[in-house]
Amino acid sequence: MTIRPILTVPDPVLKQVSKPIENVTDETRALMDDMLETMYAAPGIGLAAIQIGVPLNVIVMDLAREGDQPNVKYFANPEILETAEDLSTYEEGCLSIPDVFESVERPEKVKLTYLDYDGKRVTEWCEGLYSTCIQHEMDHLKGVVFIDYLSRLKRDRAVKKVQKSNKLKTGI
């Protein structure tokens, strides 16, 4: 497994729409393994392939709390089939927008279908943090980052913060 660099805003690759995969192969699983290693190293709870520059409909996630057993989930070609009418608000963050956290409103529950690590079709209802996180990651697959839901002022401020932080890290 390899830790890969995570793209940050305003990298235009993050605005690309990802493509579906035909089926889960050994190559897909190797990508998922790299993504998981990258996500843990960041550290984060979810990562879409586009965030490491791979425009494929692949997501990894682990919502286990620190000290708990890992609860890894792998998603290929995730699709929301149904959404609840009730909404919930979470303060979201993103590995592609480090150190920026803002409240985003999303459906409280979603019915999801996807292919797992073994290529098996899974259909399930997601709620709470799971629902928020999968919707957040699926937005990445459509070229959307969570700050796109914010006012222009907050969005611009977030991008400038990331750019400033990146300049400090690189010394440029």
Foldseek 3Di string as FASTA:
>chain_A
DAAADFAAPPPQLLQDAAAADPFQDPVNLVLQVNQCVNCVVLPHFKDASSRRPHRAQKMKGWPDDPPDDTDIWIFGPKDWDDFDPDKDWDFDDDSNQPPDTDIDIDGQKTWMWGQTNVRDIDTDMDGDPRRVRVVQRVCSNNSDHPCVRPDPVSSVVSNVVVVVVVCVVVVD
